[in-house]
C-alpha atoms as a PDB file:
ATOM      1  CA  UNK A   1     -15.250  46.625   5.147  1.00  0.00           C
ATOM      2  CA  UNK A   2     -18.150  48.748   4.028  1.00  0.00           C
ATOM      3  CA  UNK A   3     -20.132  45.897   2.450  1.00  0.00           C
ATOM      4  CA  UNK A   4     -20.040  42.673   0.466  1.00  0.00           C
ATOM      5  CA  UNK A   5     -21.221  41.817  -3.035  1.00  0.00           C
ATOM      6  CA  UNK A   6     -22.943  38.474  -3.603  1.00  0.00           C
ATOM      7  CA  UNK A   7     -22.788  37.447  -7.251  1.00  0.00           C
ATOM      8  CA  UNK A   8     -23.299  33.962  -8.710  1.00  0.00           C
ATOM      9  CA  UNK A   9     -22.818  32.306  -5.313  1.00  0.00           C
ATOM     10  CA  UNK A  10     -19.518  34.116  -4.643  1.00  0.00           C
ATOM     11  CA  UNK A  11     -18.954  36.626  -1.873  1.00  0.00           C
ATOM     12  CA  UNK A  12     -16.703  39.568  -2.823  1.00  0.00           C
ATOM     13  CA  UNK A  13     -15.523  42.124  -0.248  1.00  0.00           C
ATOM     14  CA  UNK A  14     -15.988  45.743  -1.294  1.00  0.00           C
ATOM     15  CA  UNK A  15     -13.359  48.133  -0.058  1.00  0.00           C
ATOM     16  CA  UNK A  16     -13.366  51.909  -0.327  1.00  0.00           C
ATOM     17  CA  UNK A  17     -10.108  53.745  -0.948  1.00  0.00           C
ATOM     18  CA  UNK A  18      -9.469  57.475  -0.936  1.00  0.00           C
ATOM     19  CA  UNK A  19      -7.803  58.858  -4.061  1.00  0.00           C
ATOM     20  CA  UNK A  20      -4.019  59.290  -3.972  1.00  0.00           C
ATOM     21  CA  UNK A  21      -4.116  63.108  -4.018  1.00  0.00           C
ATOM     22  CA  UNK A  22      -6.494  63.127  -1.011  1.00  0.00           C
ATOM     23  CA  UNK A  23      -4.166  60.978   1.156  1.00  0.00           C
ATOM     24  CA  UNK A  24      -0.684  62.117   0.153  1.00  0.00           C
ATOM     25  CA  UNK A  25      -0.052  64.220   3.307  1.00  0.00           C
ATOM     26  CA  UNK A  26      -0.767  63.530   6.981  1.00  0.00           C
ATOM     27  CA  UNK A  27      -2.875  66.690   7.185  1.00  0.00           C
ATOM     28  CA  UNK A  28      -5.052  65.443   4.319  1.00  0.00           C
ATOM     29  CA  UNK A  29      -5.648  62.169   6.176  1.00  0.00           C
ATOM     30  CA  UNK A  30      -6.509  64.015   9.405  1.00  0.00           C
ATOM     31  CA  UNK A  31      -9.186  66.022   7.571  1.00  0.00           C
ATOM     32  CA  UNK A  32     -10.898  63.002   5.997  1.00  0.00           C
ATOM     33  CA  UNK A  33     -14.606  62.835   6.777  1.00  0.00           C
ATOM     34  CA  UNK A  34     -15.487  59.515   8.407  1.00  0.00           C
ATOM     35  CA  UNK A  35     -19.128  60.221   9.351  1.00  0.00           C
ATOM     36  CA  UNK A  36     -21.794  62.915   9.414  1.00  0.00           C
ATOM     37  CA  UNK A  37     -23.891  63.847  12.453  1.00  0.00           C
ATOM     38  CA  UNK A  38     -26.729  66.316  11.891  1.00  0.00           C
ATOM     39  CA  UNK A  39     -25.131  67.276   8.547  1.00  0.00           C
ATOM     40  CA  UNK A  40     -21.854  68.142  10.319  1.00  0.00           C
ATOM     41  CA  UNK A  41     -18.778  66.231   9.077  1.00  0.00           C
ATOM     42  CA  UNK A  42     -16.789  64.239  11.644  1.00  0.00           C
ATOM     43  CA  UNK A  43     -13.121  64.138  10.675  1.00  0.00           C
ATOM     44  CA  UNK A  44     -10.715  61.333  11.356  1.00  0.00           C
ATOM     45  CA  UNK A  45      -8.688  63.670  13.585  1.00  0.00           C
ATOM     46  CA  UNK A  46     -11.698  63.976  15.941  1.00  0.00           C
ATOM     47  CA  UNK A  47     -11.886  60.229  16.591  1.00  0.00           C
ATOM     48  CA  UNK A  48      -8.244  59.071  16.266  1.00  0.00           C
ATOM     49  CA  UNK A  49      -4.726  60.154  17.146  1.00  0.00           C
ATOM     50  CA  UNK A  50      -2.616  60.045  14.004  1.00  0.00           C
ATOM     51  CA  UNK A  51       1.143  59.784  14.364  1.00  0.00           C
ATOM     52  CA  UNK A  52       3.868  58.793  11.944  1.00  0.00           C
ATOM     53  CA  UNK A  53       5.866  55.791  13.078  1.00  0.00           C
ATOM     54  CA  UNK A  54       8.231  53.399  11.429  1.00  0.00           C
ATOM     55  CA  UNK A  55       6.866  49.935  10.618  1.00  0.00           C
ATOM     56  CA  UNK A  56       7.811  46.883   8.623  1.00  0.00           C
ATOM     57  CA  UNK A  57       8.291  47.343   4.889  1.00  0.00           C
ATOM     58  CA  UNK A  58       6.376  44.131   4.278  1.00  0.00           C
ATOM     59  CA  UNK A  59       4.182  41.780   6.264  1.00  0.00           C
ATOM     60  CA  UNK A  60       5.138  38.138   5.978  1.00  0.00           C
ATOM     61  CA  UNK A  61       2.893  35.264   6.899  1.00  0.00           C
ATOM     62  CA  UNK A  62       3.686  31.611   7.573  1.00  0.00           C
ATOM     63  CA  UNK A  63       0.713  29.289   8.089  1.00  0.00           C
ATOM     64  CA  UNK A  64      -1.508  32.395   8.129  1.00  0.00           C
ATOM     65  CA  UNK A  65       0.359  33.917  11.102  1.00  0.00           C
ATOM     66  CA  UNK A  66       2.332  37.141  10.943  1.00  0.00           C
ATOM     67  CA  UNK A  67       6.055  36.522  11.287  1.00  0.00           C
ATOM     68  CA  UNK A  68       9.232  38.541  11.485  1.00  0.00           C
ATOM     69  CA  UNK A  69      12.066  36.701   9.752  1.00  0.00           C
ATOM     70  CA  UNK A  70      15.638  37.088  10.983  1.00  0.00           C
ATOM     71  CA  UNK A  71      18.242  35.435   8.782  1.00  0.00           C
ATOM     72  CA  UNK A  72      22.011  35.130   8.833  1.00  0.00           C
ATOM     73  CA  UNK A  73      24.807  33.276   7.083  1.00  0.00           C
ATOM     74  CA  UNK A  74      27.095  30.684   8.606  1.00  0.00           C
ATOM     75  CA  UNK A  75      30.689  31.816   8.864  1.00  0.00           C
ATOM     76  CA  UNK A  76      33.066  29.083   9.949  1.00  0.00           C
ATOM     77  CA  UNK A  77      30.569  27.071  12.024  1.00  0.00           C
ATOM     78  CA  UNK A  78      28.323  24.149  11.154  1.00  0.00           C
ATOM     79  CA  UNK A  79      24.534  24.168  11.230  1.00  0.00           C
ATOM     80  CA  UNK A  80      24.296  22.331  14.578  1.00  0.00           C
ATOM     81  CA  UNK A  81      26.478  24.918  16.309  1.00  0.00           C
ATOM     82  CA  UNK A  82      24.474  27.747  14.742  1.00  0.00           C
ATOM     83  CA  UNK A  83      21.190  26.217  15.945  1.00  0.00           C
ATOM     84  CA  UNK A  84      22.503  25.845  19.493  1.00  0.00           C
ATOM     85  CA  UNK A  85      23.656  29.493  19.503  1.00  0.00           C
ATOM     86  CA  UNK A  86      20.245  30.591  18.221  1.00  0.00           C
ATOM     87  CA  UNK A  87      18.486  28.605  20.962  1.00  0.00           C
ATOM     88  CA  UNK A  88      20.715  30.219  23.633  1.00  0.00           C
ATOM     89  CA  UNK A  89      20.050  33.710  22.239  1.00  0.00           C
ATOM     90  CA  UNK A  90      16.289  33.100  22.062  1.00  0.00           C
ATOM     91  CA  UNK A  91      16.218  31.800  25.642  1.00  0.00           C
ATOM     92  CA  UNK A  92      17.525  35.164  26.882  1.00  0.00           C
ATOM     93  CA  UNK A  93      14.765  37.140  25.157  1.00  0.00           C
ATOM     94  CA  UNK A  94      11.529  37.664  27.064  1.00  0.00           C
ATOM     95  CA  UNK A  95       8.535  38.048  24.776  1.00  0.00           C
ATOM     96  CA  UNK A  96       5.032  39.274  25.419  1.00  0.00           C
ATOM     97  CA  UNK A  97       2.282  36.712  25.913  1.00  0.00           C
ATOM     98  CA  UNK A  98       1.031  36.752  22.320  1.00  0.00           C
ATOM     99  CA  UNK A  99       4.492  36.269  20.790  1.00  0.00           C
ATOM    100  CA  UNK A 100       6.701  33.225  20.431  1.00  0.00           C
ATOM    101  CA  UNK A 101      10.042  32.521  18.820  1.00  0.00           C
ATOM    102  CA  UNK A 102      10.871  29.590  16.580  1.00  0.00           C
ATOM    103  CA  UNK A 103      14.257  28.778  15.117  1.00  0.00           C
ATOM    104  CA  UNK A 104      13.734  27.354  11.647  1.00  0.00           C
ATOM    105  CA  UNK A 105      16.694  27.431   9.355  1.00  0.00           C
ATOM    106  CA  UNK A 106      15.858  27.378   5.680  1.00  0.00           C
ATOM    107  CA  UNK A 107      17.359  23.946   5.050  1.00  0.00           C
ATOM    108  CA  UNK A 108      19.354  21.302   6.781  1.00  0.00           C
ATOM    109  CA  UNK A 109      17.576  20.230   9.937  1.00  0.00           C
ATOM    110  CA  UNK A 110      14.385  18.788   8.447  1.00  0.00           C
ATOM    111  CA  UNK A 111      14.262  14.986   8.402  1.00  0.00           C
ATOM    112  CA  UNK A 112      14.495  13.260   5.035  1.00  0.00           C
ATOM    113  CA  UNK A 113      10.962  11.921   4.816  1.00  0.00           C
ATOM    114  CA  UNK A 114       7.419  13.043   4.298  1.00  0.00           C
ATOM    115  CA  UNK A 115       7.272  15.288   1.265  1.00  0.00           C
ATOM    116  CA  UNK A 116      10.929  14.621   0.447  1.00  0.00           C
ATOM    117  CA  UNK A 117      10.230  10.884   0.190  1.00  0.00           C
ATOM    118  CA  UNK A 118       7.329  11.520  -2.191  1.00  0.00           C
ATOM    119  CA  UNK A 119       9.513  13.774  -4.340  1.00  0.00           C
ATOM    120  CA  UNK A 120      12.321  11.214  -4.359  1.00  0.00           C
ATOM    121  CA  UNK A 121       9.999   8.419  -5.489  1.00  0.00           C
ATOM    122  CA  UNK A 122       8.406  10.617  -8.156  1.00  0.00           C
ATOM    123  CA  UNK A 123      11.874  11.578  -9.386  1.00  0.00           C
ATOM    124  CA  UNK A 124      12.893   7.909  -9.622  1.00  0.00           C
ATOM    125  CA  UNK A 125       9.762   7.064 -11.607  1.00  0.00           C
ATOM    126  CA  UNK A 126      10.324   9.981 -13.993  1.00  0.00           C
ATOM    127  CA  UNK A 127      13.990   9.075 -14.506  1.00  0.00           C
ATOM    128  CA  UNK A 128      12.981   5.476 -15.201  1.00  0.00           C
ATOM    129  CA  UNK A 129      10.366   6.573 -17.759  1.00  0.00           C
ATOM    130  CA  UNK A 130      12.816   8.855 -19.585  1.00  0.00           C
ATOM    131  CA  UNK A 131      15.484   6.151 -19.649  1.00  0.00           C
ATOM    132  CA  UNK A 132      12.953   3.549 -20.814  1.00  0.00           C
ATOM    133  CA  UNK A 133      11.901   5.782 -23.696  1.00  0.00           C
ATOM    134  CA  UNK A 134      15.534   6.484 -24.633  1.00  0.00           C
ATOM    135  CA  UNK A 135      16.678   2.827 -24.475  1.00  0.00           C
ATOM    136  CA  UNK A 136      13.367   1.494 -25.847  1.00  0.00           C
ATOM    137  CA  UNK A 137      13.554  -1.189 -23.188  1.00  0.00           C
ATOM    138  CA  UNK A 138      11.976  -1.737 -19.799  1.00  0.00           C
ATOM    139  CA  UNK A 139      14.800  -3.914 -18.475  1.00  0.00           C
ATOM    140  CA  UNK A 140      17.946  -1.845 -19.174  1.00  0.00           C
ATOM    141  CA  UNK A 141      16.864   1.271 -17.185  1.00  0.00           C
ATOM    142  CA  UNK A 142      15.866  -0.992 -14.301  1.00  0.00           C
ATOM    143  CA  UNK A 143      19.313  -2.633 -14.262  1.00  0.00           C
ATOM    144  CA  UNK A 144      21.040   0.765 -14.367  1.00  0.00           C
ATOM    145  CA  UNK A 145      18.905   2.192 -11.558  1.00  0.00           C
ATOM    146  CA  UNK A 146      19.411  -0.893  -9.373  1.00  0.00           C
ATOM    147  CA  UNK A 147      23.216  -0.426  -9.521  1.00  0.00           C
ATOM    148  CA  UNK A 148      22.993   3.077  -7.949  1.00  0.00           C
ATOM    149  CA  UNK A 149      22.839   1.796  -4.312  1.00  0.00           C
ATOM    150  CA  UNK A 150      26.048  -0.188  -4.909  1.00  0.00           C
ATOM    151  CA  UNK A 151      27.713   2.999  -6.124  1.00  0.00           C
ATOM    152  CA  UNK A 152      26.540   4.816  -3.014  1.00  0.00           C
ATOM    153  CA  UNK A 153      28.261   2.181  -0.868  1.00  0.00           C
ATOM    154  CA  UNK A 154      31.496   2.947  -2.698  1.00  0.00           C
ATOM    155  CA  UNK A 155      31.020   6.686  -2.239  1.00  0.00           C
ATOM    156  CA  UNK A 156      30.366   6.258   1.513  1.00  0.00           C
ATOM    157  CA  UNK A 157      33.464   4.049   1.832  1.00  0.00           C
ATOM    158  CA  UNK A 158      35.668   6.584  -0.002  1.00  0.00           C
ATOM    159  CA  UNK A 159      34.321   9.482   2.107  1.00  0.00           C
ATOM    160  CA  UNK A 160      35.065   7.531   5.282  1.00  0.00           C
ATOM    161  CA  UNK A 161      38.553   6.634   4.006  1.00  0.00           C
ATOM    162  CA  UNK A 162      39.417  10.252   3.127  1.00  0.00           C
ATOM    163  CA  UNK A 163      37.488  11.863   6.044  1.00  0.00           C
ATOM    164  CA  UNK A 164      35.445  13.726   3.448  1.00  0.00           C
ATOM    165  CA  UNK A 165      32.182  15.523   4.136  1.00  0.00           C
ATOM    166  CA  UNK A 166      29.130  16.115   1.952  1.00  0.00           C
ATOM    167  CA  UNK A 167      27.188  19.169   3.044  1.00  0.00           C
ATOM    168  CA  UNK A 168      24.465  21.338   1.608  1.00  0.00           C
ATOM    169  CA  UNK A 169      25.697  24.337   3.592  1.00  0.00           C
ATOM    170  CA  UNK A 170      28.649  25.993   1.826  1.00  0.00           C
ATOM    171  CA  UNK A 171      31.860  26.018   3.799  1.00  0.00           C
ATOM    172  CA  UNK A 172      34.096  29.088   4.026  1.00  0.00           C
ATOM    173  CA  UNK A 173      37.125  26.828   3.698  1.00  0.00           C
ATOM    174  CA  UNK A 174      36.383  25.997   0.055  1.00  0.00           C
END
């Protein structure tokens, strides 16, 4: 960064950017003047080797660390099997010292707690408030919401009886 601007207690980074027509070709970038010594211009080509290489189309960050995301769909296997295959594949890959691999599927293996518990409780409170305003009663929504666990017992019993499965991950058999 060339410098910083301090205005009203805020610090703003100032960045200098060459105009589009002066950086459209590699030769133009090589001939950019980066410094002057005794009124002689020093070009970028004199202090750096410029080569064209392929790089990522975007830089992703998770928790302020650069990451490369590899994703895939499940085809005929469950999430547990997919995670074990990923762990086996990652164990065979040797990475440099500064790199590490983490298998984090988008959904499914996080425990139901923490932020999910807060969201669940907030959802229950909001549903209760909407129902209370609709029924104009504080007791009727409470009675309705207290019967939901009994319904869940019936759902669990019917799933066990029919060997049914509830899954977030779509199955290819459907």
